[in-house]
Amino acid sequence: SDPATGVVEVRADTRDLGNSFLPDGAGKAAAEAT
């Protein structure tokens, strides 16, 4: 977070906790971004 410019960066990810088509896919990040 930069108070001088007001810019905030957030790290985020999404996870499929259920209907994963991969045997070990449940709970692993499907996507991530800033």
All heavy atoms as atom14 arrays in JSON, in Angstrom:
{
  "sequence": "SDPATGVVEVRADTRDLGNSFLPDGAGKAAAEAT",
  "atom14_mask": [
    [1, 1, 1, 1, 1, 1, 0, 0, 0, 0, 0, 0, 0, 0],
    [1, 1, 1, 1, 1, 1, 1, 1, 0, 0, 0, 0, 0, 0],
    [1, 1, 1, 1, 1, 1, 1, 0, 0, 0, 0, 0, 0, 0],
    [1, 1, 1, 1, 1, 0, 0, 0, 0, 0, 0, 0, 0, 0],
    [1, 1, 1, 1, 1, 1, 1, 0, 0, 0, 0, 0, 0, 0],
    [1, 1, 1, 1, 0, 0, 0, 0, 0, 0, 0, 0, 0, 0],
    [1, 1, 1, 1, 1, 1, 1, 0, 0, 0, 0, 0, 0, 0],
    [1, 1, 1, 1, 1, 1, 1, 0, 0, 0, 0, 0, 0, 0],
    [1, 1, 1, 1, 1, 1, 1, 1, 1, 0, 0, 0, 0, 0],
    [1, 1, 1, 1, 1, 1, 1, 0, 0, 0, 0, 0, 0, 0],
    [1, 1, 1, 1, 1, 1, 1, 1, 1, 1, 1, 0, 0, 0],
    [1, 1, 1, 1, 1, 0, 0, 0, 0, 0, 0, 0, 0, 0],
    [1, 1, 1, 1, 1, 1, 1, 1, 0, 0, 0, 0, 0, 0],
    [1, 1, 1, 1, 1, 1, 1, 0, 0, 0, 0, 0, 0, 0],
    [1, 1, 1, 1, 1, 1, 1, 1, 1, 1, 1, 0, 0, 0],
    [1, 1, 1, 1, 1, 1, 1, 1, 0, 0, 0, 0, 0, 0],
    [1, 1, 1, 1, 1, 1, 1, 1, 0, 0, 0, 0, 0, 0],
    [1, 1, 1, 1, 0, 0, 0, 0, 0, 0, 0, 0, 0, 0],
    [1, 1, 1, 1, 1, 1, 1, 1, 0, 0, 0, 0, 0, 0],
    [1, 1, 1, 1, 1, 1, 0, 0, 0, 0, 0, 0, 0, 0],
    [1, 1, 1, 1, 1, 1, 1, 1, 1, 1, 1, 0, 0, 0],
    [1, 1, 1, 1, 1, 1, 1, 1, 0, 0, 0, 0, 0, 0],
    [1, 1, 1, 1, 1, 1, 1, 0, 0, 0, 0, 0, 0, 0],
    [1, 1, 1, 1, 1, 1, 1, 1, 0, 0, 0, 0, 0, 0],
    [1, 1, 1, 1, 0, 0, 0, 0, 0, 0, 0, 0, 0, 0],
    [1, 1, 1, 1, 1, 0, 0, 0, 0, 0, 0, 0, 0, 0],
    [1, 1, 1, 1, 0, 0, 0, 0, 0, 0, 0, 0, 0, 0],
    [1, 1, 1, 1, 1, 1, 1, 1, 1, 0, 0, 0, 0, 0],
    [1, 1, 1, 1, 1, 0, 0, 0, 0, 0, 0, 0, 0, 0],
    [1, 1, 1, 1, 1, 0, 0, 0, 0, 0, 0, 0, 0, 0],
    [1, 1, 1, 1, 1, 0, 0, 0, 0, 0, 0, 0, 0, 0],
    [1, 1, 1, 1, 1, 1, 1, 1, 1, 0, 0, 0, 0, 0],
    [1, 1, 1, 1, 1, 0, 0, 0, 0, 0, 0, 0, 0, 0],
    [1, 1, 1, 1, 1, 1, 1, 0, 0, 0, 0, 0, 0, 0]
  ],
  "atom14_positions": [
    [[0.86, -1.18, 0.0], [0.0, 0.0, 0.0], [0.89, 1.23, 0.0], [1.8, 1.33, 0.83], [-0.9, -0.01, 1.24], [-1.72, 1.12, 1.26], [0.0, 0.0, 0.0], [0.0, 0.0, 0.0], [0.0, 0.0, 0.0], [0.0, 0.0, 0.0], [0.0, 0.0, 0.0], [0.0, 0.0, 0.0], [0.0, 0.0, 0.0], [0.0, 0.0, 0.0]],
    [[0.65, 2.14, -0.93], [1.46, 3.36, -1.04], [0.58, 4.55, -0.66], [-0.25, 4.99, -1.45], [1.98, 3.51, -2.47], [2.92, 4.7, -2.62], [3.01, 5.53, -1.7], [3.58, 4.78, -3.67], [0.0, 0.0, 0.0], [0.0, 0.0, 0.0], [0.0, 0.0, 0.0], [0.0, 0.0, 0.0], [0.0, 0.0, 0.0], [0.0, 0.0, 0.0]],
    [[0.75, 5.09, 0.54], [-0.09, 6.21, 0.98], [0.09, 7.46, 0.11], [-0.84, 8.26, -0.04], [0.37, 6.49, 2.41], [1.2, 5.33, 2.82], [1.67, 4.65, 1.57], [0.0, 0.0, 0.0], [0.0, 0.0, 0.0], [0.0, 0.0, 0.0], [0.0, 0.0, 0.0], [0.0, 0.0, 0.0], [0.0, 0.0, 0.0], [0.0, 0.0, 0.0]],
    [[1.26, 7.64, -0.48], [1.52, 8.83, -1.3], [0.67, 8.83, -2.57], [0.14, 9.86, -2.98], [3.0, 8.92, -1.65], [0.0, 0.0, 0.0], [0.0, 0.0, 0.0], [0.0, 0.0, 0.0], [0.0, 0.0, 0.0], [0.0, 0.0, 0.0], [0.0, 0.0, 0.0], [0.0, 0.0, 0.0], [0.0, 0.0, 0.0], [0.0, 0.0, 0.0]],
    [[0.53, 7.67, -3.21], [-0.23, 7.59, -4.46], [-1.62, 7.01, -4.26], [-2.48, 7.13, -5.13], [0.5, 6.7, -5.49], [0.61, 5.37, -4.96], [1.87, 7.26, -5.81], [0.0, 0.0, 0.0], [0.0, 0.0, 0.0], [0.0, 0.0, 0.0], [0.0, 0.0, 0.0], [0.0, 0.0, 0.0], [0.0, 0.0, 0.0], [0.0, 0.0, 0.0]],
    [[-1.85, 6.35, -3.12], [-3.14, 5.72, -2.88], [-3.29, 4.36, -3.55], [-4.36, 3.77, -3.53], [0.0, 0.0, 0.0], [0.0, 0.0, 0.0], [0.0, 0.0, 0.0], [0.0, 0.0, 0.0], [0.0, 0.0, 0.0], [0.0, 0.0, 0.0], [0.0, 0.0, 0.0], [0.0, 0.0, 0.0], [0.0, 0.0, 0.0], [0.0, 0.0, 0.0]],
    [[-2.21, 3.85, -4.13], [-2.26, 2.57, -4.83], [-2.11, 1.42, -3.83], [-1.24, 1.45, -2.96], [-1.16, 2.49, -5.92], [-1.1, 1.1, -6.52], [-1.42, 3.52, -6.99], [0.0, 0.0, 0.0], [0.0, 0.0, 0.0], [0.0, 0.0, 0.0], [0.0, 0.0, 0.0], [0.0, 0.0, 0.0], [0.0, 0.0, 0.0], [0.0, 0.0, 0.0]],
    [[-2.99, 0.45, -3.97], [-2.97, -0.74, -3.12], [-2.85, -1.96, -4.03], [-3.55, -2.05, -5.04], [-4.27, -0.84, -2.28], [-4.29, -2.13, -1.47], [-4.42, 0.37, -1.38], [0.0, 0.0, 0.0], [0.0, 0.0, 0.0], [0.0, 0.0, 0.0], [0.0, 0.0, 0.0], [0.0, 0.0, 0.0], [0.0, 0.0, 0.0], [0.0, 0.0, 0.0]],
    [[-1.95, -2.87, -3.69], [-1.82, -4.11, -4.44], [-2.27, -5.26, -3.56], [-1.9, -5.34, -2.39], [-0.38, -4.33, -4.9], [0.05, -3.36, -5.97], [1.39, -3.7, -6.59], [2.01, -4.72, -6.2], [1.83, -2.93, -7.46], [0.0, 0.0, 0.0], [0.0, 0.0, 0.0], [0.0, 0.0, 0.0], [0.0, 0.0, 0.0], [0.0, 0.0, 0.0]],
    [[-3.1, -6.12, -4.15], [-3.66, -7.26, -3.43], [-3.29, -8.53, -4.19], [-3.53, -8.63, -5.4], [-5.2, -7.14, -3.31], [-5.8, -8.39, -2.68], [-5.58, -5.9, -2.52], [0.0, 0.0, 0.0], [0.0, 0.0, 0.0], [0.0, 0.0, 0.0], [0.0, 0.0, 0.0], [0.0, 0.0, 0.0], [0.0, 0.0, 0.0], [0.0, 0.0, 0.0]],
    [[-2.69, -9.5, -3.48], [-2.42, -10.82, -4.06], [-3.65, -11.68, -3.8], [-4.14, -11.72, -2.66], [-1.2, -11.47, -3.41], [0.1, -10.81, -3.74], [0.62, -11.06, -5.13], [0.73, -12.49, -5.42], [0.55, -13.02, -6.62], [0.24, -12.26, -7.65], [0.68, -14.3, -6.82], [0.0, 0.0, 0.0], [0.0, 0.0, 0.0], [0.0, 0.0, 0.0]],
    [[-4.15, -12.31, -4.84], [-5.36, -13.12, -4.7], [-5.23, -14.42, -5.48], [-4.47, -14.5, -6.45], [-6.57, -12.33, -5.2], [0.0, 0.0, 0.0], [0.0, 0.0, 0.0], [0.0, 0.0, 0.0], [0.0, 0.0, 0.0], [0.0, 0.0, 0.0], [0.0, 0.0, 0.0], [0.0, 0.0, 0.0], [0.0, 0.0, 0.0], [0.0, 0.0, 0.0]],
    [[-5.96, -15.42, -5.03], [-6.04, -16.66, -5.79], [-7.42, -17.27, -5.64], [-8.17, -16.91, -4.73], [-4.93, -17.65, -5.39], [-5.05, -18.18, -3.98], [-6.11, -18.77, -3.65], [-4.09, -18.03, -3.21], [0.0, 0.0, 0.0], [0.0, 0.0, 0.0], [0.0, 0.0, 0.0], [0.0, 0.0, 0.0], [0.0, 0.0, 0.0], [0.0, 0.0, 0.0]],
    [[-7.75, -18.16, -6.56], [-9.01, -18.88, -6.52], [-8.71, -20.36, -6.39], [-7.7, -20.84, -6.89], [-9.86, -18.63, -7.78], [-9.12, -19.06, -8.93], [-10.21, -17.17, -7.93], [0.0, 0.0, 0.0], [0.0, 0.0, 0.0], [0.0, 0.0, 0.0], [0.0, 0.0, 0.0], [0.0, 0.0, 0.0], [0.0, 0.0, 0.0], [0.0, 0.0, 0.0]],
    [[-9.61, -21.06, -5.71], [-9.43, -22.49, -5.49], [-10.77, -23.22, -5.71], [-11.81, -22.73, -5.3], [-8.94, -22.77, -4.07], [-7.57, -22.19, -3.83], [-7.2, -22.2, -2.36], [-5.93, -21.51, -2.19], [-4.76, -22.11, -2.23], [-4.68, -23.4, -2.39], [-3.65, -21.42, -2.08], [0.0, 0.0, 0.0], [0.0, 0.0, 0.0], [0.0, 0.0, 0.0]],
    [[-10.69, -24.36, -6.34], [-11.84, -25.24, -6.52], [-11.78, -26.26, -5.39], [-10.91, -27.12, -5.37], [-11.74, -25.91, -7.89], [-12.73, -27.04, -8.07], [-13.72, -27.09, -7.31], [-12.53, -27.86, -8.97], [0.0, 0.0, 0.0], [0.0, 0.0, 0.0], [0.0, 0.0, 0.0], [0.0, 0.0, 0.0], [0.0, 0.0, 0.0], [0.0, 0.0, 0.0]],
    [[-12.67, -26.14, -4.42], [-12.62, -27.03, -3.26], [-13.49, -28.27, -3.42], [-13.47, -29.15, -2.58], [-13.07, -26.28, -2.0], [-12.22, -25.07, -1.62], [-12.75, -24.45, -0.35], [-10.76, -25.44, -1.48], [0.0, 0.0, 0.0], [0.0, 0.0, 0.0], [0.0, 0.0, 0.0], [0.0, 0.0, 0.0], [0.0, 0.0, 0.0], [0.0, 0.0, 0.0]],
    [[-14.24, -28.3, -4.5], [-15.15, -29.42, -4.64], [-15.03, -30.18, -5.93], [-14.28, -31.13, -6.05], [0.0, 0.0, 0.0], [0.0, 0.0, 0.0], [0.0, 0.0, 0.0], [0.0, 0.0, 0.0], [0.0, 0.0, 0.0], [0.0, 0.0, 0.0], [0.0, 0.0, 0.0], [0.0, 0.0, 0.0], [0.0, 0.0, 0.0], [0.0, 0.0, 0.0]],
    [[-15.68, -29.74, -6.94], [-15.89, -30.46, -8.18], [-14.65, -30.48, -9.07], [-14.73, -30.26, -10.27], [-17.08, -29.83, -8.91], [-17.51, -30.6, -10.11], [-17.23, -31.77, -10.25], [-18.18, -29.92, -11.0], [0.0, 0.0, 0.0], [0.0, 0.0, 0.0], [0.0, 0.0, 0.0], [0.0, 0.0, 0.0], [0.0, 0.0, 0.0], [0.0, 0.0, 0.0]],
    [[-13.5, -30.76, -8.51], [-12.27, -30.76, -9.29], [-12.2, -32.0, -10.17], [-12.51, -33.1, -9.75], [-11.05, -30.72, -8.38], [-9.88, -30.77, -9.16], [0.0, 0.0, 0.0], [0.0, 0.0, 0.0], [0.0, 0.0, 0.0], [0.0, 0.0, 0.0], [0.0, 0.0, 0.0], [0.0, 0.0, 0.0], [0.0, 0.0, 0.0], [0.0, 0.0, 0.0]],
    [[-11.78, -31.81, -11.41], [-11.63, -32.95, -12.32], [-10.26, -33.61, -12.16], [-10.0, -34.65, -12.74], [-11.85, -32.52, -13.77], [-10.97, -31.41, -14.23], [-9.72, -31.66, -14.78], [-11.37, -30.09, -14.09], [-8.89, -30.64, -15.18], [-10.54, -29.05, -14.49], [-9.31, -29.33, -15.04], [0.0, 0.0, 0.0], [0.0, 0.0, 0.0], [0.0, 0.0, 0.0]],
    [[-9.38, -33.03, -11.35], [-8.08, -33.63, -11.07], [-8.15, -34.38, -9.74], [-8.71, -33.86, -8.77], [-7.0, -32.55, -10.97], [-6.74, -31.74, -12.23], [-5.75, -30.63, -11.93], [-6.21, -32.63, -13.34], [0.0, 0.0, 0.0], [0.0, 0.0, 0.0], [0.0, 0.0, 0.0], [0.0, 0.0, 0.0], [0.0, 0.0, 0.0], [0.0, 0.0, 0.0]],
    [[-7.59, -35.56, -9.64], [-7.66, -36.32, -8.39], [-7.1, -35.55, -7.19], [-7.63, -35.65, -6.1], [-6.82, -37.57, -8.67], [-6.68, -37.66, -10.14], [-6.86, -36.27, -10.68], [0.0, 0.0, 0.0], [0.0, 0.0, 0.0], [0.0, 0.0, 0.0], [0.0, 0.0, 0.0], [0.0, 0.0, 0.0], [0.0, 0.0, 0.0], [0.0, 0.0, 0.0]],
    [[-6.02, -34.82, -7.38], [-5.43, -34.07, -6.27], [-5.67, -32.57, -6.41], [-4.99, -31.77, -5.79], [-3.92, -34.36, -6.19], [-3.19, -33.85, -7.43], [-3.83, -33.59, -8.45], [-1.95, -33.71, -7.36], [0.0, 0.0, 0.0], [0.0, 0.0, 0.0], [0.0, 0.0, 0.0], [0.0, 0.0, 0.0], [0.0, 0.0, 0.0], [0.0, 0.0, 0.0]],
    [[-6.64, -32.18, -7.22], [-6.86, -30.76, -7.52], [-7.59, -29.99, -6.45], [-7.47, -28.77, -6.37], [0.0, 0.0, 0.0], [0.0, 0.0, 0.0], [0.0, 0.0, 0.0], [0.0, 0.0, 0.0], [0.0, 0.0, 0.0], [0.0, 0.0, 0.0], [0.0, 0.0, 0.0], [0.0, 0.0, 0.0], [0.0, 0.0, 0.0], [0.0, 0.0, 0.0]],
    [[-8.4, -30.64, -5.64], [-9.19, -29.93, -4.64], [-8.28, -29.19, -3.67], [-7.36, -29.75, -3.1], [-10.09, -30.89, -3.89], [0.0, 0.0, 0.0], [0.0, 0.0, 0.0], [0.0, 0.0, 0.0], [0.0, 0.0, 0.0], [0.0, 0.0, 0.0], [0.0, 0.0, 0.0], [0.0, 0.0, 0.0], [0.0, 0.0, 0.0], [0.0, 0.0, 0.0]],
    [[-8.54, -27.93, -3.51], [-7.78, -27.11, -2.58], [-6.55, -26.44, -3.15], [-5.98, -25.57, -2.52], [0.0, 0.0, 0.0], [0.0, 0.0, 0.0], [0.0, 0.0, 0.0], [0.0, 0.0, 0.0], [0.0, 0.0, 0.0], [0.0, 0.0, 0.0], [0.0, 0.0, 0.0], [0.0, 0.0, 0.0], [0.0, 0.0, 0.0], [0.0, 0.0, 0.0]],
    [[-6.12, -26.84, -4.35], [-4.97, -26.19, -4.97], [-5.42, -24.95, -5.74], [-6.54, -24.92, -6.26], [-4.27, -27.15, -5.92], [-3.56, -28.28, -5.23], [-2.8, -29.13, -6.21], [-2.05, -30.23, -5.5], [-1.34, -31.09, -6.45], [0.0, 0.0, 0.0], [0.0, 0.0, 0.0], [0.0, 0.0, 0.0], [0.0, 0.0, 0.0], [0.0, 0.0, 0.0]],
    [[-4.55, -23.98, -5.83], [-4.89, -22.75, -6.56], [-5.17, -23.06, -8.02], [-4.42, -23.8, -8.66], [-3.76, -21.73, -6.44], [0.0, 0.0, 0.0], [0.0, 0.0, 0.0], [0.0, 0.0, 0.0], [0.0, 0.0, 0.0], [0.0, 0.0, 0.0], [0.0, 0.0, 0.0], [0.0, 0.0, 0.0], [0.0, 0.0, 0.0], [0.0, 0.0, 0.0]],
    [[-6.26, -22.52, -8.53], [-6.6, -22.65, -9.94], [-6.07, -21.45, -10.71], [-5.72, -21.55, -11.88], [-8.11, -22.78, -10.13], [0.0, 0.0, 0.0], [0.0, 0.0, 0.0], [0.0, 0.0, 0.0], [0.0, 0.0, 0.0], [0.0, 0.0, 0.0], [0.0, 0.0, 0.0], [0.0, 0.0, 0.0], [0.0, 0.0, 0.0], [0.0, 0.0, 0.0]],
    [[-6.04, -20.3, -10.04], [-5.55, -19.06, -10.66], [-5.04, -18.15, -9.56], [-5.5, -18.21, -8.42], [-6.66, -18.37, -11.45], [0.0, 0.0, 0.0], [0.0, 0.0, 0.0], [0.0, 0.0, 0.0], [0.0, 0.0, 0.0], [0.0, 0.0, 0.0], [0.0, 0.0, 0.0], [0.0, 0.0, 0.0], [0.0, 0.0, 0.0], [0.0, 0.0, 0.0]],
    [[-4.09, -17.29, -9.93], [-3.61, -16.27, -8.99], [-3.25, -15.02, -9.77], [-2.98, -15.08, -10.97], [-2.42, -16.77, -8.18], [-1.17, -17.02, -8.97], [-0.01, -17.55, -8.12], [-0.25, -18.03, -7.0], [1.12, -17.47, -8.6], [0.0, 0.0, 0.0], [0.0, 0.0, 0.0], [0.0, 0.0, 0.0], [0.0, 0.0, 0.0], [0.0, 0.0, 0.0]],
    [[-3.3, -13.89, -9.08], [-3.01, -12.61, -9.74], [-2.75, -11.54, -8.69], [-3.04, -11.72, -7.51], [-4.18, -12.2, -10.63], [0.0, 0.0, 0.0], [0.0, 0.0, 0.0], [0.0, 0.0, 0.0], [0.0, 0.0, 0.0], [0.0, 0.0, 0.0], [0.0, 0.0, 0.0], [0.0, 0.0, 0.0], [0.0, 0.0, 0.0], [0.0, 0.0, 0.0]],
    [[-2.22, -10.43, -9.15], [-2.09, -9.23, -8.34], [-3.11, -8.22, -8.85], [-3.1, -7.86, -10.03], [-0.67, -8.63, -8.45], [0.28, -9.6, -8.0], [-0.55, -7.36, -7.61], [0.0, 0.0, 0.0], [0.0, 0.0, 0.0], [0.0, 0.0, 0.0], [0.0, 0.0, 0.0], [0.0, 0.0, 0.0], [0.0, 0.0, 0.0], [0.0, 0.0, 0.0]]
  ]
}
